[in-house]
Amino acid sequence: MGDPWSGLSINRGSFLVSFLVSFAGDSNWRWSYNLRFRFQDNDWFLIGKTEENFAVSSGDADFEKTDYNLLTGVMIHTVGKKPPVKKNFGKKKIRLKDWESET
């Protein structure tokens, strides 16, 4: 599967940690996972998360993206070429020191 680390960038007053992985046994499938953290209220907080799954060979047909904005409490879910679906999951305040990865 290789090293999933894709990079670290700093922009818009926050830092973004990125991962990109091939699914085991099938090099055509990829998933990416981006986490955005910001320093506010004298601490570091997770403010956003984006997950993507896609097949390299099929383009938009096999594409799924879920974007979570923890500050606004809005999730945007996109599958293929269908219109994005917005849902409100409620605002979350997660300190970096309390955050644990689901993966």
N, C-alpha and C. Protein backbone atom coordinates (compact mmCIF):
# COMPACT_ATOMS: atom_id res chain seq x y z
N MET A 1 0.82 -1.20 0.00
CA MET A 1 0.00 0.00 0.00
C MET A 1 0.86 1.26 0.00
N GLY A 2 2.08 1.18 0.44
CA GLY A 2 2.95 2.34 0.41
C GLY A 2 2.70 3.29 1.56
N ASP A 3 3.45 4.36 1.56
CA ASP A 3 3.36 5.38 2.61
C ASP A 3 2.19 6.31 2.27
N PRO A 4 1.19 6.42 3.16
CA PRO A 4 0.03 7.26 2.86
C PRO A 4 0.29 8.76 2.99
N TRP A 5 1.39 9.16 3.61
CA TRP A 5 1.66 10.58 3.84
C TRP A 5 1.72 11.30 2.51
N SER A 6 0.91 12.35 2.35
CA SER A 6 0.87 13.10 1.10
C SER A 6 1.41 14.51 1.28
N GLY A 7 1.39 15.01 2.51
CA GLY A 7 1.97 16.33 2.71
C GLY A 7 1.33 17.13 3.82
N LEU A 8 1.95 18.25 4.06
CA LEU A 8 1.50 19.22 5.05
C LEU A 8 1.59 20.59 4.41
N SER A 9 0.52 21.36 4.49
CA SER A 9 0.54 22.71 3.93
C SER A 9 -0.06 23.68 4.95
N ILE A 10 0.35 24.91 4.82
CA ILE A 10 -0.15 25.97 5.70
C ILE A 10 -0.77 27.04 4.83
N ASN A 11 -2.07 27.33 5.07
CA ASN A 11 -2.75 28.39 4.34
C ASN A 11 -4.02 28.79 5.09
N ARG A 12 -4.52 29.96 4.77
CA ARG A 12 -5.75 30.47 5.37
C ARG A 12 -5.74 30.41 6.89
N GLY A 13 -4.57 30.63 7.51
CA GLY A 13 -4.46 30.65 8.96
C GLY A 13 -4.63 29.29 9.61
N SER A 14 -4.39 28.22 8.85
CA SER A 14 -4.55 26.87 9.37
C SER A 14 -3.52 25.96 8.71
N PHE A 15 -3.42 24.72 9.20
CA PHE A 15 -2.57 23.77 8.51
C PHE A 15 -3.38 22.56 8.10
N LEU A 16 -3.00 21.98 6.95
CA LEU A 16 -3.71 20.88 6.34
C LEU A 16 -2.78 19.67 6.27
N VAL A 17 -3.22 18.54 6.84
CA VAL A 17 -2.48 17.29 6.80
C VAL A 17 -3.17 16.39 5.78
N SER A 18 -2.41 15.85 4.81
CA SER A 18 -3.01 15.09 3.71
C SER A 18 -2.42 13.69 3.62
N PHE A 19 -3.31 12.73 3.29
CA PHE A 19 -2.94 11.33 3.09
C PHE A 19 -3.56 10.84 1.79
N LEU A 20 -2.87 9.97 1.06
CA LEU A 20 -3.38 9.36 -0.16
C LEU A 20 -2.91 7.91 -0.19
N VAL A 21 -3.86 6.97 -0.35
CA VAL A 21 -3.54 5.55 -0.27
C VAL A 21 -4.23 4.78 -1.39
N SER A 22 -3.56 3.73 -1.88
CA SER A 22 -4.18 2.77 -2.79
C SER A 22 -4.84 1.70 -1.94
N PHE A 23 -6.04 1.26 -2.34
CA PHE A 23 -6.68 0.17 -1.61
C PHE A 23 -5.86 -1.10 -1.81
N ALA A 24 -5.77 -1.91 -0.79
CA ALA A 24 -5.00 -3.15 -0.85
C ALA A 24 -5.53 -4.06 -1.95
N GLY A 25 -4.63 -4.61 -2.75
CA GLY A 25 -5.02 -5.58 -3.76
C GLY A 25 -5.52 -4.99 -5.06
N ASP A 26 -5.70 -3.67 -5.15
CA ASP A 26 -6.21 -3.07 -6.38
C ASP A 26 -5.63 -1.67 -6.51
N SER A 27 -4.62 -1.53 -7.33
CA SER A 27 -3.93 -0.25 -7.44
C SER A 27 -4.77 0.81 -8.16
N ASN A 28 -5.93 0.44 -8.71
CA ASN A 28 -6.80 1.38 -9.40
C ASN A 28 -7.54 2.30 -8.42
N TRP A 29 -7.85 1.80 -7.23
CA TRP A 29 -8.63 2.56 -6.25
C TRP A 29 -7.74 3.36 -5.31
N ARG A 30 -8.17 4.56 -5.01
CA ARG A 30 -7.44 5.46 -4.11
C ARG A 30 -8.41 6.06 -3.09
N TRP A 31 -7.89 6.43 -1.96
CA TRP A 31 -8.66 7.24 -1.03
C TRP A 31 -7.75 8.33 -0.53
N SER A 32 -8.32 9.48 -0.26
CA SER A 32 -7.55 10.57 0.33
C SER A 32 -8.28 11.05 1.56
N TYR A 33 -7.50 11.59 2.45
CA TYR A 33 -8.01 12.01 3.75
C TYR A 33 -7.27 13.27 4.12
N ASN A 34 -7.98 14.38 4.26
CA ASN A 34 -7.38 15.67 4.59
C ASN A 34 -7.97 16.19 5.90
N LEU A 35 -7.11 16.64 6.76
CA LEU A 35 -7.52 17.18 8.05
C LEU A 35 -7.02 18.61 8.17
N ARG A 36 -7.91 19.54 8.55
CA ARG A 36 -7.52 20.95 8.69
C ARG A 36 -7.62 21.34 10.16
N PHE A 37 -6.51 21.90 10.69
CA PHE A 37 -6.43 22.35 12.07
C PHE A 37 -6.12 23.84 12.10
N ARG A 38 -6.64 24.53 13.14
CA ARG A 38 -6.38 25.96 13.29
C ARG A 38 -6.17 26.29 14.76
N PHE A 39 -5.29 27.26 15.00
CA PHE A 39 -5.06 27.73 16.36
C PHE A 39 -6.08 28.83 16.66
N GLN A 40 -6.89 28.60 17.68
CA GLN A 40 -7.90 29.58 18.11
C GLN A 40 -8.19 29.34 19.59
N ASP A 41 -8.59 30.37 20.29
CA ASP A 41 -8.91 30.25 21.71
C ASP A 41 -7.76 29.61 22.49
N ASN A 42 -6.52 29.99 22.14
CA ASN A 42 -5.30 29.50 22.80
C ASN A 42 -5.11 27.99 22.73
N ASP A 43 -5.59 27.34 21.68
CA ASP A 43 -5.40 25.91 21.50
C ASP A 43 -5.57 25.56 20.02
N TRP A 44 -5.14 24.35 19.63
CA TRP A 44 -5.31 23.86 18.27
C TRP A 44 -6.59 23.04 18.19
N PHE A 45 -7.39 23.31 17.13
CA PHE A 45 -8.67 22.62 16.93
C PHE A 45 -8.76 22.03 15.53
N LEU A 46 -9.40 20.85 15.43
CA LEU A 46 -9.76 20.28 14.14
C LEU A 46 -10.97 21.07 13.65
N ILE A 47 -10.85 21.70 12.47
CA ILE A 47 -11.96 22.52 11.97
C ILE A 47 -12.59 21.97 10.68
N GLY A 48 -11.91 20.98 10.06
CA GLY A 48 -12.46 20.42 8.83
C GLY A 48 -11.83 19.09 8.49
N LYS A 49 -12.60 18.29 7.77
CA LYS A 49 -12.13 16.97 7.34
C LYS A 49 -12.75 16.68 5.98
N THR A 50 -11.94 16.18 5.05
CA THR A 50 -12.43 15.80 3.73
C THR A 50 -11.95 14.39 3.42
N GLU A 51 -12.89 13.53 2.99
CA GLU A 51 -12.58 12.16 2.61
C GLU A 51 -13.00 11.97 1.16
N GLU A 52 -12.13 11.35 0.36
CA GLU A 52 -12.45 11.06 -1.04
C GLU A 52 -12.09 9.61 -1.35
N ASN A 53 -12.93 8.96 -2.16
CA ASN A 53 -12.67 7.63 -2.70
C ASN A 53 -12.87 7.73 -4.20
N PHE A 54 -11.94 7.17 -4.97
CA PHE A 54 -12.09 7.26 -6.42
C PHE A 54 -11.31 6.17 -7.12
N ALA A 55 -11.78 5.80 -8.31
CA ALA A 55 -11.07 4.86 -9.18
C ALA A 55 -10.32 5.67 -10.22
N VAL A 56 -9.04 5.46 -10.31
CA VAL A 56 -8.20 6.24 -11.22
C VAL A 56 -8.66 6.07 -12.67
N SER A 57 -9.05 4.86 -13.07
CA SER A 57 -9.38 4.59 -14.48
C SER A 57 -10.75 5.08 -14.92
N SER A 58 -11.67 5.33 -13.98
CA SER A 58 -13.03 5.66 -14.40
C SER A 58 -13.42 7.12 -14.18
N GLY A 59 -12.51 7.94 -13.69
CA GLY A 59 -12.80 9.36 -13.53
C GLY A 59 -13.95 9.64 -12.58
N ASP A 60 -14.90 10.50 -13.01
CA ASP A 60 -16.01 10.92 -12.16
C ASP A 60 -17.03 9.82 -11.86
N ALA A 61 -17.07 8.78 -12.66
CA ALA A 61 -18.09 7.74 -12.48
C ALA A 61 -17.96 7.05 -11.13
N ASP A 62 -16.76 6.79 -10.69
CA ASP A 62 -16.52 6.14 -9.40
C ASP A 62 -15.82 7.10 -8.46
N PHE A 63 -16.51 8.15 -8.07
CA PHE A 63 -15.95 9.19 -7.23
C PHE A 63 -16.91 9.47 -6.08
N GLU A 64 -16.38 9.57 -4.88
CA GLU A 64 -17.20 9.92 -3.72
C GLU A 64 -16.38 10.85 -2.82
N LYS A 65 -17.01 11.94 -2.39
CA LYS A 65 -16.33 12.91 -1.55
C LYS A 65 -17.27 13.36 -0.43
N THR A 66 -16.74 13.39 0.78
CA THR A 66 -17.50 13.91 1.92
C THR A 66 -16.65 14.97 2.59
N ASP A 67 -17.19 16.17 2.71
CA ASP A 67 -16.48 17.30 3.30
C ASP A 67 -17.22 17.75 4.55
N TYR A 68 -16.52 17.78 5.68
CA TYR A 68 -17.11 18.18 6.96
C TYR A 68 -16.50 19.51 7.39
N ASN A 69 -17.35 20.49 7.66
CA ASN A 69 -16.91 21.76 8.23
C ASN A 69 -17.37 21.76 9.68
N LEU A 70 -16.45 21.56 10.60
CA LEU A 70 -16.81 21.45 12.01
C LEU A 70 -17.20 22.80 12.62
N LEU A 71 -16.78 23.91 12.00
CA LEU A 71 -17.14 25.24 12.50
C LEU A 71 -18.60 25.58 12.21
N THR A 72 -19.07 25.19 11.02
CA THR A 72 -20.46 25.50 10.63
C THR A 72 -21.41 24.34 10.91
N GLY A 73 -20.85 23.12 11.05
CA GLY A 73 -21.69 21.94 11.25
C GLY A 73 -22.33 21.43 9.98
N VAL A 74 -21.77 21.79 8.82
CA VAL A 74 -22.33 21.38 7.54
C VAL A 74 -21.45 20.31 6.89
N MET A 75 -22.08 19.24 6.40
CA MET A 75 -21.41 18.19 5.66
C MET A 75 -21.93 18.24 4.22
N ILE A 76 -21.02 18.14 3.26
CA ILE A 76 -21.39 18.10 1.85
C ILE A 76 -20.90 16.77 1.29
N HIS A 77 -21.84 15.97 0.76
CA HIS A 77 -21.53 14.64 0.24
C HIS A 77 -21.80 14.62 -1.26
N THR A 78 -20.79 14.20 -2.03
CA THR A 78 -20.90 14.14 -3.49
C THR A 78 -20.57 12.74 -3.96
N VAL A 79 -21.42 12.19 -4.85
CA VAL A 79 -21.18 10.88 -5.44
C VAL A 79 -21.25 11.03 -6.95
N GLY A 80 -20.16 10.66 -7.63
CA GLY A 80 -20.12 10.74 -9.09
C GLY A 80 -20.48 12.12 -9.60
N LYS A 81 -21.34 12.16 -10.60
CA LYS A 81 -21.75 13.43 -11.20
C LYS A 81 -23.07 13.95 -10.64
N LYS A 82 -23.58 13.28 -9.60
CA LYS A 82 -24.83 13.73 -8.99
C LYS A 82 -24.61 15.04 -8.24
N PRO A 83 -25.67 15.84 -8.07
CA PRO A 83 -25.52 17.09 -7.31
C PRO A 83 -25.14 16.79 -5.85
N PRO A 84 -24.31 17.64 -5.26
CA PRO A 84 -23.93 17.45 -3.86
C PRO A 84 -25.13 17.53 -2.93
N VAL A 85 -25.07 16.78 -1.83
CA VAL A 85 -26.12 16.78 -0.82
C VAL A 85 -25.54 17.39 0.45
N LYS A 86 -26.23 18.43 0.97
CA LYS A 86 -25.80 19.09 2.20
C LYS A 86 -26.62 18.58 3.38
N LYS A 87 -25.93 18.36 4.49
CA LYS A 87 -26.61 17.97 5.72
C LYS A 87 -26.00 18.74 6.89
N ASN A 88 -26.82 19.05 7.88
CA ASN A 88 -26.32 19.70 9.07
C ASN A 88 -26.14 18.65 10.15
N PHE A 89 -24.92 18.51 10.65
CA PHE A 89 -24.64 17.53 11.70
C PHE A 89 -24.36 18.20 13.04
N GLY A 90 -24.42 19.51 13.08
CA GLY A 90 -24.17 20.25 14.32
C GLY A 90 -22.70 20.63 14.46
N LYS A 91 -22.44 21.79 14.99
CA LYS A 91 -21.07 22.27 15.16
C LYS A 91 -20.33 21.39 16.16
N LYS A 92 -19.04 21.19 15.91
CA LYS A 92 -18.19 20.39 16.79
C LYS A 92 -16.97 21.21 17.17
N LYS A 93 -16.52 21.05 18.38
CA LYS A 93 -15.30 21.72 18.83
C LYS A 93 -14.37 20.63 19.36
N ILE A 94 -13.38 20.23 18.53
CA ILE A 94 -12.49 19.12 18.87
C ILE A 94 -11.06 19.64 18.96
N ARG A 95 -10.50 19.59 20.15
CA ARG A 95 -9.10 19.98 20.35
C ARG A 95 -8.18 18.94 19.72
N LEU A 96 -7.06 19.40 19.17
CA LEU A 96 -6.09 18.50 18.56
C LEU A 96 -5.64 17.45 19.58
N LYS A 97 -5.41 17.85 20.82
CA LYS A 97 -4.92 16.89 21.82
C LYS A 97 -5.98 15.84 22.19
N ASP A 98 -7.27 16.11 21.92
CA ASP A 98 -8.34 15.16 22.22
C ASP A 98 -8.77 14.35 21.00
N TRP A 99 -8.33 14.77 19.82
CA TRP A 99 -8.75 14.13 18.58
C TRP A 99 -8.07 12.77 18.43
N GLU A 100 -8.84 11.79 17.98
CA GLU A 100 -8.31 10.47 17.66
C GLU A 100 -8.79 10.09 16.28
N SER A 101 -7.90 9.55 15.48
CA SER A 101 -8.24 9.14 14.12
C SER A 101 -9.17 7.94 14.15
N GLU A 102 -10.13 7.93 13.21
CA GLU A 102 -11.03 6.79 13.07
C GLU A 102 -10.35 5.66 12.31
N THR A 103 -9.25 5.98 11.62
CA THR A 103 -8.58 4.97 10.81
C THR A 103 -7.30 4.51 11.44
